[in-house]
Amino acid sequence: MRILIADKFSEKHLARLGDLGHECSYQPGLKAENLPTAVAGHNALIVRSTRVNEDTIGAADRLALIIRAGAGVNTIAVDAAADRAIFVCNTPGKNAIAVAELAMGLILAIDRNIPDNVIDLRNSRWNKKKYSQTRGLAGRSLGIVGMGSIGMALARRARAFDMNLIAIERPDRRKKTTRDLGKMDCKMVPNIETLAADSDIISFHVPATPETKGLVSRRLLTAVRPGTVIINTARGNIIDEEALLDAISEKDLRVGLDVYGDEPGVGEAEYTSALAQHPNVYGTHHIGASTEQAQEAIADAVLEVITAYESGTLLNCVNLGEAQGSAMTVTIRHRNRVGVLAAALTALREAGLNVEHMENFVLAGRNAASAVIHVVGTVGTETVRQIEALENVMAVSVARR
């Protein structure tokens, strides 16, 4: 495949892609506005922070696969890609430890006022009296919103500091996660408002979705206790920044941020933010996943996605459509001969049935196979008889999904 890499990528993994026979165009300096002119002729696109907008999707004449080297895909026009039959895949969980480490670092920095200590010393100011006044972390309550891989990684690190954990009860949570939280004596609460009211520190680890946009709202902040610490290393748009600024002043909140609603989409730029520059806020430059360990793990995952795609398997694809409620499954046991499936698909087409998904499993000896075809609509008796009558078809069964 011809692969365009529009963000920084390790040299070792570039070499591995070449060894696998891929032709790579490494252009880490590309930006959203010039990506459309660069994407033409490429079969796959790998990005990290570079935005892939609808203009890029429209200019992609051969593109079949977009890989986000990371978890969130909010910088990619996912729906536009789906309309052009372009798969969008990501690499979730590979940067969990790195982000959790930064969140823990922000918590420590706020508790001990580390950045202000450093600034004063660099400016020849000694103020042990001021900086000796701190609470410490042991015994304090940490509410974690979002118990995915990052939230769990933070929970384990916080327990090592003897912090008390709080999470929101969810009936659909994975059993292993529930067991692990139980072992850490995590307190379960019914909703986010209760978590906010019970926590000394609140850390957010949720994806950017319509449901999480503005999650840290005026309503939620009314439940937060004075002096609470708020950490966000997830996505900038989960915070109503004006509401948070007001709450900082009214309740003397301390805040640690790695992401911002209007942050630049490039590596270096001028940036002015009332929130990031507030004296009660310690901010970093969206570097949560930016450790060497995390980037190596993400690059490994990118290669796994590419290798799987070439073999006909999709890993972590985020824009596959859900099957329609009226879909049916047709299973055809047949001799492994040329033209059998083509004839069966012709029969489905003549019946006005659209194929959503199909797989053909060849059995040992390669003499026989079983095709599983998901279709939209109702497969009638006459269509089944027509397929059963085909040469080399052994049996046909139909089931409603």
Protein backbone atom coordinates (compact mmCIF):
# COMPACT_ATOMS: atom_id res chain seq x y z
CA MET A 1 0.00 0.00 0.00
CA ARG A 2 0.95 3.63 -0.42
CA ILE A 3 0.79 5.15 3.05
CA LEU A 4 0.85 8.86 3.93
CA ILE A 5 2.08 9.58 7.46
CA ALA A 6 1.07 13.13 8.40
CA ASP A 7 2.47 13.28 11.95
CA LYS A 8 5.62 12.24 13.76
CA PHE A 9 6.24 8.49 13.62
CA SER A 10 9.16 6.45 14.91
CA GLU A 11 11.95 5.70 12.44
CA LYS A 12 11.99 2.09 13.58
CA HIS A 13 8.35 1.62 12.64
CA LEU A 14 8.80 3.47 9.36
CA ALA A 15 11.49 0.95 8.50
CA ARG A 16 9.20 -1.92 9.50
CA LEU A 17 6.47 -0.62 7.18
CA GLY A 18 9.03 -0.56 4.36
CA ASP A 19 10.12 -4.10 5.18
CA LEU A 20 6.47 -5.17 4.89
CA GLY A 21 6.45 -3.84 1.33
CA HIS A 22 4.62 -0.57 1.87
CA GLU A 23 5.57 2.66 0.14
CA CYS A 24 5.57 5.35 2.82
CA SER A 25 5.42 9.12 2.35
CA TYR A 26 6.55 10.62 5.65
CA GLN A 27 5.36 14.24 5.92
CA PRO A 28 5.05 15.08 9.65
CA GLY A 29 4.80 18.82 8.93
CA LEU A 30 1.46 18.57 7.12
CA LYS A 31 -1.43 20.64 8.42
CA ALA A 32 -5.17 20.34 7.87
CA GLU A 33 -5.16 22.99 5.14
CA ASN A 34 -2.52 21.30 2.95
CA LEU A 35 -3.42 17.69 3.67
CA PRO A 36 -5.98 17.57 0.80
CA THR A 37 -3.26 18.18 -1.80
CA ALA A 38 -1.00 15.53 -0.25
CA VAL A 39 -3.48 12.67 0.24
CA ALA A 40 -4.17 11.93 -3.44
CA GLY A 41 -2.80 8.60 -4.63
CA HIS A 42 -2.46 7.10 -1.15
CA ASN A 43 -4.30 4.02 0.12
CA ALA A 44 -3.85 4.70 3.82
CA LEU A 45 -3.38 7.77 6.01
CA ILE A 46 -1.83 7.79 9.48
CA VAL A 47 -2.40 10.84 11.69
CA ARG A 48 -1.94 11.75 15.30
CA SER A 49 -3.08 15.34 15.89
CA THR A 50 -3.40 16.56 12.28
CA ARG A 51 -7.04 17.21 11.46
CA VAL A 52 -8.63 15.22 8.65
CA ASN A 53 -11.53 17.34 7.46
CA GLU A 54 -14.13 16.86 4.75
CA ASP A 55 -11.91 18.57 2.17
CA THR A 56 -9.26 15.91 2.72
CA ILE A 57 -11.85 13.13 2.47
CA GLY A 58 -13.14 14.62 -0.78
CA ALA A 59 -9.65 14.85 -2.26
CA ALA A 60 -8.76 11.26 -1.36
CA ASP A 61 -9.08 9.41 -4.66
CA ARG A 62 -7.63 6.07 -3.47
CA LEU A 63 -7.87 6.31 0.30
CA ALA A 64 -9.41 3.26 2.00
CA LEU A 65 -8.06 3.46 5.53
CA ILE A 66 -7.41 6.25 8.06
CA ILE A 67 -5.59 5.33 11.26
CA ARG A 68 -5.61 7.64 14.26
CA ALA A 69 -2.42 6.94 16.21
CA GLY A 70 -4.23 7.32 19.50
CA ALA A 71 -7.70 6.84 20.92
CA GLY A 72 -9.88 9.88 20.15
CA VAL A 73 -11.10 10.43 16.59
CA ASN A 74 -12.74 13.82 17.13
CA THR A 75 -10.18 15.42 14.76
CA ILE A 76 -11.34 13.20 11.87
CA ALA A 77 -14.45 13.68 9.72
CA VAL A 78 -15.61 10.16 10.53
CA ASP A 79 -19.07 10.40 8.93
CA ALA A 80 -17.65 11.85 5.70
CA ALA A 81 -15.17 8.97 5.59
CA ALA A 82 -17.99 6.47 6.05
CA ASP A 83 -19.87 8.02 3.12
CA ARG A 84 -16.80 7.41 0.94
CA ALA A 85 -16.34 3.81 2.22
CA ILE A 86 -13.13 4.77 4.06
CA PHE A 87 -12.50 2.87 7.28
CA VAL A 88 -11.40 4.92 10.31
CA CYS A 89 -9.49 2.93 12.94
CA ASN A 90 -7.77 3.96 16.15
CA THR A 91 -5.37 2.51 18.73
CA PRO A 92 -7.19 2.73 22.07
CA GLY A 93 -5.56 2.04 25.41
CA LYS A 94 -1.96 2.28 24.23
CA ASN A 95 -1.36 5.65 25.86
CA ALA A 96 -3.25 4.90 29.08
CA ILE A 97 -0.23 4.77 31.35
CA ALA A 98 1.25 7.96 29.91
CA VAL A 99 -1.96 9.94 30.42
CA ALA A 100 -2.47 8.52 33.91
CA GLU A 101 1.09 9.50 34.81
CA LEU A 102 0.46 13.08 33.70
CA ALA A 103 -2.83 13.25 35.61
CA MET A 104 -1.04 12.04 38.73
CA GLY A 105 1.73 14.56 38.06
CA LEU A 106 -0.78 17.41 37.88
CA ILE A 107 -2.36 16.29 41.14
CA LEU A 108 1.04 16.27 42.84
CA ALA A 109 2.03 19.59 41.28
CA ILE A 110 -1.12 21.28 42.52
CA ASP A 111 -0.89 19.80 46.01
CA ARG A 112 2.75 20.90 46.47
CA ASN A 113 2.60 24.05 44.25
CA ILE A 114 5.61 22.73 42.37
CA PRO A 115 5.50 25.08 39.33
CA ASP A 116 5.26 28.19 41.56
CA ASN A 117 8.13 26.88 43.68
CA VAL A 118 10.27 26.58 40.57
CA ILE A 119 9.31 30.01 39.21
CA ASP A 120 10.12 31.76 42.49
CA LEU A 121 13.51 30.06 42.81
CA ARG A 122 14.37 30.96 39.22
CA ASN A 123 13.54 34.55 40.11
CA SER A 124 15.77 34.52 43.23
CA ARG A 125 12.82 34.35 45.65
CA TRP A 126 12.94 32.04 48.68
CA ASN A 127 9.55 31.45 50.34
CA LYS A 128 9.60 28.27 52.38
CA LYS A 129 6.92 29.72 54.66
CA LYS A 130 4.42 29.98 51.82
CA TYR A 131 5.14 26.66 50.13
CA SER A 132 5.20 24.62 53.32
CA GLN A 133 1.42 25.06 53.57
CA THR A 134 -0.05 22.02 51.81
CA ARG A 135 -2.54 19.27 52.62
CA GLY A 136 -0.90 16.13 51.21
CA LEU A 137 -2.64 13.33 49.29
CA ALA A 138 -2.91 10.38 51.69
CA GLY A 139 -6.50 9.88 52.82
CA ARG A 140 -7.97 12.37 50.37
CA SER A 141 -10.76 11.31 48.04
CA LEU A 142 -10.21 11.10 44.29
CA GLY A 143 -13.31 10.88 42.09
CA ILE A 144 -12.57 9.42 38.67
CA VAL A 145 -15.09 10.05 35.89
CA GLY A 146 -14.51 7.44 33.18
CA MET A 147 -13.16 4.08 34.30
CA GLY A 148 -11.66 2.96 31.02
CA SER A 149 -8.02 2.01 30.63
CA ILE A 150 -6.77 5.50 31.61
CA GLY A 151 -9.11 5.87 34.57
CA MET A 152 -8.09 2.47 35.90
CA ALA A 153 -4.39 3.25 35.42
CA LEU A 154 -4.86 6.44 37.45
CA ALA A 155 -6.81 4.57 40.12
CA ARG A 156 -3.95 2.13 40.65
CA ARG A 157 -1.44 4.95 40.99
CA ALA A 158 -3.64 6.93 43.34
CA ARG A 159 -4.06 3.91 45.61
CA ALA A 160 -0.28 3.73 45.87
CA PHE A 161 -0.52 7.22 47.41
CA ASP A 162 -3.14 5.93 49.88
CA MET A 163 -5.90 7.97 48.29
CA ASN A 164 -9.56 6.95 48.59
CA LEU A 165 -11.26 6.27 45.26
CA ILE A 166 -14.77 7.19 44.14
CA ALA A 167 -16.45 6.08 40.90
CA ILE A 168 -19.92 6.14 39.39
CA GLU A 169 -21.85 2.87 39.57
CA ARG A 170 -22.54 1.43 36.11
CA PRO A 171 -24.45 -1.82 35.55
CA ASP A 172 -22.81 -2.30 32.12
CA ARG A 173 -19.25 -2.06 33.45
CA ARG A 174 -16.92 -4.94 32.61
CA LYS A 175 -16.82 -7.59 35.34
CA LYS A 176 -13.03 -7.44 35.57
CA THR A 177 -13.11 -3.67 36.08
CA THR A 178 -15.75 -4.06 38.79
CA ARG A 179 -13.64 -6.70 40.53
CA ASP A 180 -10.49 -4.59 40.32
CA LEU A 181 -12.28 -1.54 41.73
CA GLY A 182 -13.60 -3.68 44.56
CA LYS A 183 -10.07 -4.81 45.42
CA MET A 184 -9.06 -1.13 45.61
CA ASP A 185 -11.97 -0.40 48.00
CA CYS A 186 -13.42 2.07 45.51
CA LYS A 187 -16.60 3.75 46.75
CA MET A 188 -19.47 3.57 44.25
CA VAL A 189 -21.94 6.45 43.92
CA PRO A 190 -25.11 6.69 41.80
CA ASN A 191 -24.26 9.74 39.68
CA ILE A 192 -21.68 12.36 38.80
CA GLU A 193 -23.21 15.02 41.07
CA THR A 194 -22.74 12.77 44.11
CA LEU A 195 -19.17 12.03 43.01
CA ALA A 196 -18.46 15.75 42.71
CA ALA A 197 -19.89 16.48 46.15
CA ASP A 198 -17.88 13.68 47.82
CA SER A 199 -14.49 14.25 46.15
CA ASP A 200 -11.49 16.36 47.13
CA ILE A 201 -10.07 15.85 43.64
CA ILE A 202 -11.98 15.02 40.44
CA SER A 203 -10.21 13.66 37.34
CA PHE A 204 -11.97 13.28 33.98
CA HIS A 205 -11.19 10.47 31.53
CA VAL A 206 -14.08 10.39 29.06
CA PRO A 207 -14.14 10.54 25.25
CA ALA A 208 -15.40 13.50 23.22
CA THR A 209 -19.01 12.66 22.38
CA PRO A 210 -22.23 14.67 22.13
CA GLU A 211 -23.09 13.34 25.61
CA THR A 212 -19.82 14.49 27.23
CA LYS A 213 -19.65 17.93 25.60
CA GLY A 214 -19.93 20.49 28.38
CA LEU A 215 -19.99 17.75 31.02
CA VAL A 216 -18.25 20.08 33.48
CA SER A 217 -21.14 22.51 33.50
CA ARG A 218 -22.46 25.19 35.84
CA ARG A 219 -24.89 22.65 37.21
CA LEU A 220 -22.15 20.14 38.00
CA LEU A 221 -19.89 22.81 39.46
CA THR A 222 -22.58 23.79 41.96
CA ALA A 223 -22.10 20.35 43.51
CA VAL A 224 -18.33 20.77 43.81
CA ARG A 225 -17.02 21.66 47.26
CA PRO A 226 -14.87 24.78 47.82
CA GLY A 227 -11.17 24.07 47.36
CA THR A 228 -11.73 21.04 45.11
CA VAL A 229 -9.07 20.14 42.56
CA ILE A 230 -10.27 19.43 39.01
CA ILE A 231 -8.09 17.56 36.51
CA ASN A 232 -8.81 17.21 32.78
CA THR A 233 -6.45 15.23 30.55
CA ALA A 234 -9.27 13.96 28.32
CA ARG A 235 -10.79 16.42 25.83
CA GLY A 236 -11.11 20.19 26.03
CA ASN A 237 -14.75 20.38 25.01
CA ILE A 238 -15.99 18.45 28.04
CA ILE A 239 -15.54 21.69 30.04
CA ASP A 240 -17.70 24.79 29.92
CA GLU A 241 -14.69 27.09 30.35
CA GLU A 242 -16.67 30.21 31.32
CA ALA A 243 -18.51 28.25 34.00
CA LEU A 244 -15.24 26.83 35.31
CA LEU A 245 -13.63 30.28 35.45
CA ASP A 246 -16.54 31.57 37.52
CA ALA A 247 -16.38 28.54 39.83
CA ILE A 248 -12.62 28.99 40.33
CA SER A 249 -13.22 32.49 41.64
CA GLU A 250 -16.31 31.64 43.69
CA LYS A 251 -15.02 28.43 45.26
CA ASP A 252 -11.25 28.83 45.09
CA LEU A 253 -10.89 25.72 42.93
CA ARG A 254 -7.49 24.46 41.76
CA VAL A 255 -7.33 23.06 38.25
CA GLY A 256 -4.89 20.95 36.24
CA LEU A 257 -5.42 20.87 32.46
CA ASP A 258 -3.72 19.23 29.51
CA VAL A 259 -6.46 20.02 26.98
CA TYR A 260 -8.45 23.13 26.01
CA GLY A 261 -11.53 23.79 23.94
CA ASP A 262 -9.79 26.14 21.52
CA GLU A 263 -6.26 24.75 21.60
CA PRO A 264 -4.08 25.04 18.46
CA GLY A 265 -4.04 22.04 16.15
CA VAL A 266 -0.30 22.37 15.49
CA GLY A 267 2.88 21.73 17.45
CA GLU A 268 3.84 25.38 17.93
CA ALA A 269 1.66 28.50 17.89
CA GLU A 270 0.71 31.65 19.76
CA TYR A 271 -2.04 30.79 22.23
CA THR A 272 -3.98 32.96 24.65
CA SER A 273 -6.47 31.43 27.06
CA ALA A 274 -8.09 33.03 30.10
CA LEU A 275 -8.42 29.59 31.65
CA ALA A 276 -4.89 28.36 30.92
CA GLN A 277 -3.40 31.63 32.21
CA HIS A 278 -5.44 31.78 35.42
CA PRO A 279 -3.19 31.68 38.52
CA ASN A 280 -5.24 28.78 39.98
CA VAL A 281 -4.63 26.66 36.87
CA TYR A 282 -1.60 24.52 36.10
CA GLY A 283 -1.63 23.72 32.39
CA THR A 284 0.38 21.52 30.07
CA HIS A 285 0.44 21.49 26.27
CA HIS A 286 -1.73 18.45 25.38
CA ILE A 287 1.19 16.13 26.07
CA GLY A 288 -0.68 13.36 27.89
CA ALA A 289 0.26 10.66 25.38
CA SER A 290 3.64 12.15 24.54
CA THR A 291 6.04 9.73 26.17
CA GLU A 292 8.48 7.56 24.27
CA GLN A 293 6.91 4.44 25.78
CA ALA A 294 3.42 5.45 24.68
CA GLN A 295 4.49 6.39 21.17
CA GLU A 296 6.26 3.05 20.70
CA ALA A 297 3.17 1.18 21.87
CA ILE A 298 0.91 3.25 19.61
CA ALA A 299 3.19 2.71 16.60
CA ASP A 300 3.11 -1.05 17.26
CA ALA A 301 -0.69 -0.87 17.29
CA VAL A 302 -0.75 1.10 14.01
CA LEU A 303 1.25 -1.67 12.33
CA GLU A 304 -1.15 -4.24 13.75
CA VAL A 305 -4.11 -2.35 12.22
CA ILE A 306 -2.40 -2.20 8.81
CA THR A 307 -1.38 -5.87 8.85
CA ALA A 308 -4.87 -6.95 9.90
CA TYR A 309 -6.47 -4.77 7.21
CA GLU A 310 -4.33 -6.39 4.53
CA SER A 311 -5.48 -9.81 5.68
CA GLY A 312 -9.14 -8.76 5.53
CA THR A 313 -9.69 -7.99 9.22
CA LEU A 314 -10.58 -4.62 10.76
CA LEU A 315 -9.15 -3.71 14.16
CA ASN A 316 -10.71 -0.92 16.22
CA CYS A 317 -12.82 0.44 13.34
CA VAL A 318 -14.99 3.30 14.65
CA ASN A 319 -17.24 3.95 11.65
CA LEU A 320 -18.80 0.59 10.92
CA GLY A 321 -22.60 0.82 10.71
CA GLU A 322 -24.87 -1.21 12.94
CA ALA A 323 -26.94 -3.91 11.29
CA GLN A 324 -30.52 -2.89 10.58
CA GLY A 325 -33.21 -4.51 12.71
CA SER A 326 -34.76 -6.33 9.76
CA ALA A 327 -31.51 -8.00 8.67
CA MET A 328 -31.41 -11.76 8.12
CA THR A 329 -28.54 -14.20 7.94
CA VAL A 330 -28.25 -16.66 5.06
CA THR A 331 -25.86 -19.56 5.61
CA ILE A 332 -24.83 -21.48 2.51
CA ARG A 333 -22.89 -24.76 2.79
CA HIS A 334 -21.26 -25.39 -0.56
CA ARG A 335 -18.50 -27.09 -2.48
CA ASN A 336 -15.42 -24.90 -2.70
CA ARG A 337 -15.80 -24.19 -6.42
CA VAL A 338 -15.47 -21.09 -8.61
CA GLY A 339 -18.72 -19.18 -9.16
CA VAL A 340 -20.84 -20.63 -6.36
CA LEU A 341 -21.02 -17.43 -4.33
CA ALA A 342 -21.38 -15.27 -7.43
CA ALA A 343 -24.49 -17.22 -8.38
CA ALA A 344 -25.89 -17.02 -4.84
CA LEU A 345 -25.33 -13.25 -4.73
CA THR A 346 -27.10 -12.93 -8.09
CA ALA A 347 -30.13 -14.68 -6.59
CA LEU A 348 -30.13 -12.27 -3.64
CA ARG A 349 -29.82 -9.29 -6.00
CA GLU A 350 -32.77 -10.47 -8.08
CA ALA A 351 -34.82 -10.67 -4.88
CA GLY A 352 -33.93 -7.05 -4.08
CA LEU A 353 -31.85 -7.99 -1.01
CA ASN A 354 -28.79 -5.89 -0.15
CA VAL A 355 -25.78 -7.60 1.40
CA GLU A 356 -24.52 -5.89 4.59
CA HIS A 357 -21.68 -8.24 5.43
CA MET A 358 -20.44 -11.66 4.38
CA GLU A 359 -17.74 -14.15 5.24
CA ASN A 360 -16.79 -17.41 3.54
CA PHE A 361 -15.14 -20.05 5.73
CA VAL A 362 -13.19 -22.74 3.87
CA LEU A 363 -12.93 -25.98 5.82
CA ALA A 364 -9.96 -28.36 6.18
CA GLY A 365 -9.08 -30.07 2.91
CA ARG A 366 -10.41 -27.06 0.97
CA ASN A 367 -13.18 -29.18 -0.58
CA ALA A 368 -16.08 -27.44 1.14
CA ALA A 369 -16.95 -24.08 2.62
CA SER A 370 -19.69 -22.26 4.51
CA ALA A 371 -20.72 -18.74 3.53
CA VAL A 372 -22.46 -16.51 6.08
CA ILE A 373 -24.25 -13.59 4.43
CA HIS A 374 -26.09 -10.84 6.31
CA VAL A 375 -28.79 -9.16 4.23
CA VAL A 376 -31.37 -6.40 4.71
CA GLY A 377 -34.91 -7.52 4.10
CA THR A 378 -36.80 -10.79 4.22
CA VAL A 379 -35.39 -13.82 2.41
CA GLY A 380 -38.39 -15.60 0.90
CA THR A 381 -38.91 -19.29 0.30
CA GLU A 382 -38.49 -18.92 -3.46
CA THR A 383 -35.08 -17.26 -3.04
CA VAL A 384 -33.94 -20.06 -0.73
CA ARG A 385 -35.07 -22.68 -3.28
CA GLN A 386 -33.27 -20.82 -6.07
CA ILE A 387 -29.97 -20.87 -4.12
CA GLU A 388 -30.44 -24.53 -3.06
CA ALA A 389 -30.87 -25.48 -6.72
CA LEU A 390 -27.47 -24.04 -7.66
CA GLU A 391 -24.75 -26.46 -8.66
CA ASN A 392 -22.36 -27.30 -5.77
CA VAL A 393 -24.70 -25.89 -3.08
CA MET A 394 -25.28 -28.50 -0.36
CA ALA A 395 -27.67 -26.71 2.00
CA VAL A 396 -29.14 -23.29 2.78
CA SER A 397 -30.48 -22.02 6.10
CA VAL A 398 -32.01 -18.65 6.97
CA ALA A 399 -32.31 -16.97 10.36
CA ARG A 400 -33.59 -13.55 11.43
CA ARG A 401 -30.91 -11.55 13.27
